[in-house]
Each structure stands twice: as structure tokens, then as C-alpha cells.
Amino acid sequence: MKPGIHPPYGPVVFRDRAADYAFLTRSTATSDKTIEWEDGNTYPVIDVEISSASHPFYTGTARVLDTAGRVERFERRYGTRTARTTHDKREAAR
């Protein structure tokens, strides 16, 4: 790596306030707020709004959309259209 052009890379705690979940990782992100971690050291903390602990996809609380009903509603509204083949187009042109 070329010296002097990269931001410092160090340990940071990311904390999900909604799920009361935090994890220690390494990042170039920094913060003025700090937290004392389980190992007794103090690290910068970054509060996030959503993480894997609170996101509906990862927690299994995601809603499943009724795609079959949506397709049926589309077909009722606009009707089903059949694709015209090349032969049909030639016959129509005559």
C-alpha cells in the first residue's frame, strides 16, 4: 500500500440501538463517542439504525408478498394478451 493516502484502519464498535446489539470489528470509520468493550478496552462506537440483529430479512419477520394475487389482479385489469407469431404478422400484413 502506498503510505500516507489511506485512512487509519482500526477497531470500532458498531451498535444497533434498536436491537441492543453491538459488535467489534475493524473499520476506517471513526467517532468521537467511545464505549468500554467486554475486554476492558475503550473503542470508538458508531450507532447504526439497522443491522442483521434488527433487519426483518435476517430476523425472519419479513412479510411475504402475495405475488400470485398481484399477477391475477394485473390479468383482470389488463387482460391476458397472446403473443403474435411471425406467421400471424405476415397474414395481417396481406
N, C-alpha and C. Protein backbone atom coordinates (compact mmCIF):
# COMPACT_ATOMS: atom_id res chain seq x y z
N MET A 1 0.83 -1.19 0.00
CA MET A 1 0.00 0.00 0.00
C MET A 1 0.87 1.24 0.00
N LYS A 2 0.42 2.23 -0.70
CA LYS A 2 1.15 3.48 -0.76
C LYS A 2 0.97 4.23 0.56
N PRO A 3 2.05 4.63 1.20
CA PRO A 3 1.93 5.28 2.52
C PRO A 3 1.35 6.70 2.41
N GLY A 4 0.57 7.08 3.43
CA GLY A 4 0.10 8.44 3.54
C GLY A 4 -1.21 8.77 2.83
N ILE A 5 -1.78 7.85 2.05
CA ILE A 5 -3.01 8.18 1.33
C ILE A 5 -4.23 7.44 1.87
N HIS A 6 -4.04 6.47 2.74
CA HIS A 6 -5.15 5.67 3.25
C HIS A 6 -5.54 6.13 4.65
N PRO A 7 -6.85 6.11 4.97
CA PRO A 7 -7.26 6.49 6.32
C PRO A 7 -6.84 5.41 7.32
N PRO A 8 -6.73 5.77 8.58
CA PRO A 8 -6.35 4.77 9.59
C PRO A 8 -7.41 3.68 9.72
N TYR A 9 -6.96 2.46 9.87
CA TYR A 9 -7.83 1.28 9.94
C TYR A 9 -7.67 0.67 11.31
N GLY A 10 -8.72 0.71 12.11
CA GLY A 10 -8.58 0.21 13.47
C GLY A 10 -9.88 -0.36 14.01
N PRO A 11 -9.85 -0.85 15.24
CA PRO A 11 -11.05 -1.46 15.85
C PRO A 11 -12.12 -0.41 16.14
N VAL A 12 -13.36 -0.77 15.84
CA VAL A 12 -14.51 0.10 16.06
C VAL A 12 -15.68 -0.78 16.50
N VAL A 13 -16.51 -0.26 17.39
CA VAL A 13 -17.72 -0.97 17.82
C VAL A 13 -18.90 -0.37 17.07
N PHE A 14 -19.67 -1.22 16.39
CA PHE A 14 -20.92 -0.81 15.76
C PHE A 14 -22.05 -1.27 16.67
N ARG A 15 -22.95 -0.33 17.01
CA ARG A 15 -24.01 -0.63 17.96
C ARG A 15 -25.37 -0.36 17.32
N ASP A 16 -26.22 -1.38 17.34
CA ASP A 16 -27.60 -1.26 16.86
C ASP A 16 -28.46 -0.94 18.07
N ARG A 17 -28.92 0.31 18.15
CA ARG A 17 -29.68 0.74 19.32
C ARG A 17 -31.05 0.08 19.39
N ALA A 18 -31.65 -0.23 18.24
CA ALA A 18 -32.99 -0.81 18.23
C ALA A 18 -32.99 -2.23 18.79
N ALA A 19 -31.93 -2.99 18.50
CA ALA A 19 -31.89 -4.38 18.93
C ALA A 19 -31.01 -4.59 20.16
N ASP A 20 -30.41 -3.50 20.67
CA ASP A 20 -29.49 -3.60 21.80
C ASP A 20 -28.41 -4.63 21.50
N TYR A 21 -27.76 -4.46 20.35
CA TYR A 21 -26.75 -5.40 19.88
C TYR A 21 -25.54 -4.61 19.43
N ALA A 22 -24.36 -5.09 19.77
CA ALA A 22 -23.12 -4.41 19.37
C ALA A 22 -22.09 -5.46 18.98
N PHE A 23 -21.22 -5.07 18.03
CA PHE A 23 -20.14 -5.98 17.65
C PHE A 23 -18.88 -5.18 17.36
N LEU A 24 -17.77 -5.79 17.66
CA LEU A 24 -16.46 -5.18 17.48
C LEU A 24 -15.87 -5.67 16.17
N THR A 25 -15.43 -4.75 15.35
CA THR A 25 -14.81 -5.08 14.07
C THR A 25 -13.76 -4.03 13.76
N ARG A 26 -13.14 -4.15 12.61
CA ARG A 26 -12.16 -3.15 12.18
C ARG A 26 -12.75 -2.35 11.04
N SER A 27 -12.49 -1.04 11.05
CA SER A 27 -13.06 -0.17 10.04
C SER A 27 -12.24 1.11 9.94
N THR A 28 -12.46 1.84 8.85
CA THR A 28 -11.85 3.16 8.70
C THR A 28 -12.77 4.24 9.26
N ALA A 29 -14.00 3.88 9.61
CA ALA A 29 -14.95 4.83 10.20
C ALA A 29 -14.50 5.18 11.61
N THR A 30 -14.72 6.43 11.98
CA THR A 30 -14.33 6.87 13.32
C THR A 30 -15.51 7.60 13.97
N SER A 31 -15.39 7.83 15.26
CA SER A 31 -16.43 8.52 16.02
C SER A 31 -15.80 9.19 17.23
N ASP A 32 -16.45 10.25 17.68
CA ASP A 32 -15.99 10.92 18.89
C ASP A 32 -16.48 10.20 20.14
N LYS A 33 -17.58 9.45 20.01
CA LYS A 33 -18.13 8.70 21.15
C LYS A 33 -17.32 7.42 21.34
N THR A 34 -17.16 7.01 22.58
CA THR A 34 -16.42 5.79 22.89
C THR A 34 -17.25 4.90 23.80
N ILE A 35 -16.87 3.64 23.86
CA ILE A 35 -17.53 2.67 24.72
C ILE A 35 -16.48 1.73 25.28
N GLU A 36 -16.69 1.29 26.51
CA GLU A 36 -15.79 0.29 27.08
C GLU A 36 -16.32 -1.08 26.70
N TRP A 37 -15.49 -1.85 26.01
CA TRP A 37 -15.90 -3.15 25.49
C TRP A 37 -15.68 -4.22 26.53
N GLU A 38 -16.13 -5.44 26.24
CA GLU A 38 -16.06 -6.57 27.17
C GLU A 38 -14.63 -6.92 27.60
N ASP A 39 -13.66 -6.59 26.76
CA ASP A 39 -12.27 -6.92 27.08
C ASP A 39 -11.60 -5.85 27.95
N GLY A 40 -12.37 -4.80 28.31
CA GLY A 40 -11.84 -3.76 29.18
C GLY A 40 -11.24 -2.58 28.43
N ASN A 41 -11.06 -2.68 27.13
CA ASN A 41 -10.51 -1.59 26.33
C ASN A 41 -11.62 -0.64 25.88
N THR A 42 -11.23 0.59 25.59
CA THR A 42 -12.17 1.60 25.11
C THR A 42 -12.00 1.75 23.61
N TYR A 43 -13.13 1.70 22.89
CA TYR A 43 -13.13 1.78 21.43
C TYR A 43 -14.12 2.85 20.98
N PRO A 44 -13.90 3.43 19.80
CA PRO A 44 -14.92 4.33 19.25
C PRO A 44 -16.18 3.53 18.92
N VAL A 45 -17.35 4.15 19.12
CA VAL A 45 -18.62 3.47 18.87
C VAL A 45 -19.41 4.25 17.80
N ILE A 46 -19.98 3.51 16.87
CA ILE A 46 -20.82 4.08 15.82
C ILE A 46 -22.21 3.47 15.96
N ASP A 47 -23.20 4.33 16.18
CA ASP A 47 -24.58 3.87 16.32
C ASP A 47 -25.20 3.74 14.93
N VAL A 48 -25.81 2.58 14.67
CA VAL A 48 -26.47 2.34 13.40
C VAL A 48 -27.97 2.14 13.65
N GLU A 49 -28.76 2.45 12.64
CA GLU A 49 -30.21 2.32 12.78
C GLU A 49 -30.67 0.89 12.59
N ILE A 50 -29.96 0.14 11.75
CA ILE A 50 -30.40 -1.22 11.45
C ILE A 50 -29.18 -2.09 11.21
N SER A 51 -29.26 -3.33 11.66
CA SER A 51 -28.18 -4.29 11.45
C SER A 51 -28.82 -5.66 11.24
N SER A 52 -28.00 -6.68 11.16
CA SER A 52 -28.54 -8.03 10.98
C SER A 52 -29.38 -8.46 12.18
N ALA A 53 -29.19 -7.84 13.32
CA ALA A 53 -29.96 -8.19 14.52
C ALA A 53 -31.37 -7.62 14.50
N SER A 54 -31.59 -6.54 13.71
CA SER A 54 -32.91 -5.93 13.71
C SER A 54 -33.57 -5.88 12.33
N HIS A 55 -32.86 -6.26 11.27
CA HIS A 55 -33.44 -6.21 9.93
C HIS A 55 -34.44 -7.35 9.75
N PRO A 56 -35.63 -7.07 9.23
CA PRO A 56 -36.66 -8.12 9.10
C PRO A 56 -36.23 -9.32 8.27
N PHE A 57 -35.39 -9.11 7.27
CA PHE A 57 -34.96 -10.25 6.44
C PHE A 57 -34.15 -11.25 7.26
N TYR A 58 -33.27 -10.75 8.11
CA TYR A 58 -32.40 -11.63 8.89
C TYR A 58 -33.08 -12.19 10.13
N THR A 59 -34.06 -11.48 10.65
CA THR A 59 -34.73 -11.95 11.87
C THR A 59 -35.88 -12.89 11.57
N GLY A 60 -36.28 -13.00 10.31
CA GLY A 60 -37.36 -13.90 9.93
C GLY A 60 -38.74 -13.30 10.08
N THR A 61 -38.83 -12.00 10.30
CA THR A 61 -40.13 -11.35 10.44
C THR A 61 -40.52 -10.62 9.17
N ALA A 62 -39.88 -10.93 8.06
CA ALA A 62 -40.20 -10.26 6.80
C ALA A 62 -41.57 -10.70 6.31
N ARG A 63 -42.28 -9.77 5.70
CA ARG A 63 -43.60 -10.08 5.14
C ARG A 63 -43.41 -10.67 3.75
N VAL A 64 -44.19 -11.68 3.44
CA VAL A 64 -44.15 -12.29 2.12
C VAL A 64 -45.26 -11.66 1.28
N LEU A 65 -44.90 -11.14 0.11
CA LEU A 65 -45.89 -10.53 -0.76
C LEU A 65 -46.68 -11.61 -1.49
N ASP A 66 -47.93 -11.34 -1.72
CA ASP A 66 -48.80 -12.27 -2.43
C ASP A 66 -48.62 -12.03 -3.92
N THR A 67 -47.59 -12.61 -4.50
CA THR A 67 -47.30 -12.37 -5.92
C THR A 67 -48.33 -13.00 -6.81
N ALA A 68 -48.90 -14.13 -6.42
CA ALA A 68 -49.91 -14.77 -7.27
C ALA A 68 -51.14 -13.88 -7.37
N GLY A 69 -51.57 -13.30 -6.28
CA GLY A 69 -52.71 -12.40 -6.31
C GLY A 69 -52.44 -11.16 -7.12
N ARG A 70 -51.22 -10.67 -7.10
CA ARG A 70 -50.88 -9.48 -7.87
C ARG A 70 -50.91 -9.77 -9.36
N VAL A 71 -50.44 -10.95 -9.74
CA VAL A 71 -50.47 -11.33 -11.16
C VAL A 71 -51.90 -11.47 -11.63
N GLU A 72 -52.73 -12.11 -10.82
CA GLU A 72 -54.14 -12.28 -11.19
C GLU A 72 -54.84 -10.93 -11.30
N ARG A 73 -54.56 -10.02 -10.42
CA ARG A 73 -55.16 -8.70 -10.48
C ARG A 73 -54.72 -7.96 -11.73
N PHE A 74 -53.45 -8.09 -12.11
CA PHE A 74 -52.94 -7.47 -13.33
C PHE A 74 -53.66 -8.05 -14.55
N GLU A 75 -53.83 -9.38 -14.58
CA GLU A 75 -54.51 -10.01 -15.72
C GLU A 75 -55.98 -9.61 -15.79
N ARG A 76 -56.62 -9.46 -14.64
CA ARG A 76 -58.02 -9.00 -14.65
C ARG A 76 -58.12 -7.57 -15.17
N ARG A 77 -57.17 -6.75 -14.77
CA ARG A 77 -57.23 -5.35 -15.15
C ARG A 77 -56.89 -5.14 -16.63
N TYR A 78 -55.84 -5.78 -17.08
CA TYR A 78 -55.37 -5.54 -18.43
C TYR A 78 -55.66 -6.70 -19.39
N GLY A 79 -56.14 -7.80 -18.88
CA GLY A 79 -56.44 -8.95 -19.72
C GLY A 79 -55.17 -9.68 -20.11
N THR A 80 -55.36 -10.92 -20.52
CA THR A 80 -54.20 -11.68 -20.98
C THR A 80 -54.06 -11.46 -22.46
N ARG A 81 -52.87 -11.21 -22.87
CA ARG A 81 -52.60 -10.97 -24.28
C ARG A 81 -51.78 -12.12 -24.83
N THR A 82 -52.15 -12.59 -26.01
CA THR A 82 -51.38 -13.67 -26.62
C THR A 82 -50.34 -13.05 -27.53
N ALA A 83 -49.20 -13.67 -27.56
CA ALA A 83 -48.11 -13.18 -28.41
C ALA A 83 -48.42 -13.53 -29.86
N ARG A 84 -48.22 -12.57 -30.73
CA ARG A 84 -48.44 -12.83 -32.15
C ARG A 84 -47.18 -13.43 -32.74
N THR A 85 -47.35 -14.49 -33.47
CA THR A 85 -46.20 -15.15 -34.09
C THR A 85 -45.85 -14.43 -35.39
N THR A 86 -44.72 -14.77 -35.95
CA THR A 86 -44.30 -14.18 -37.22
C THR A 86 -45.29 -14.50 -38.32
N HIS A 87 -45.85 -15.72 -38.30
CA HIS A 87 -46.83 -16.12 -39.30
C HIS A 87 -48.08 -15.25 -39.20
N ASP A 88 -48.54 -14.97 -37.95
CA ASP A 88 -49.71 -14.12 -37.77
C ASP A 88 -49.46 -12.71 -38.28
N LYS A 89 -48.27 -12.21 -38.07
CA LYS A 89 -47.94 -10.85 -38.53
C LYS A 89 -47.93 -10.79 -40.05
N ARG A 90 -47.44 -11.82 -40.72
CA ARG A 90 -47.42 -11.86 -42.18
C ARG A 90 -48.85 -11.90 -42.73
N GLU A 91 -49.71 -12.70 -42.06
CA GLU A 91 -51.09 -12.80 -42.52
C GLU A 91 -51.82 -11.46 -42.34
N ALA A 92 -51.55 -10.77 -41.28
CA ALA A 92 -52.20 -9.49 -41.03
C ALA A 92 -51.75 -8.43 -42.02
N ALA A 93 -50.50 -8.51 -42.48
CA ALA A 93 -49.94 -7.54 -43.42
C ALA A 93 -50.54 -7.71 -44.82
N ARG A 94 -51.06 -8.84 -45.19
CA ARG A 94 -51.58 -9.07 -46.55
C ARG A 94 -52.88 -8.45 -46.79
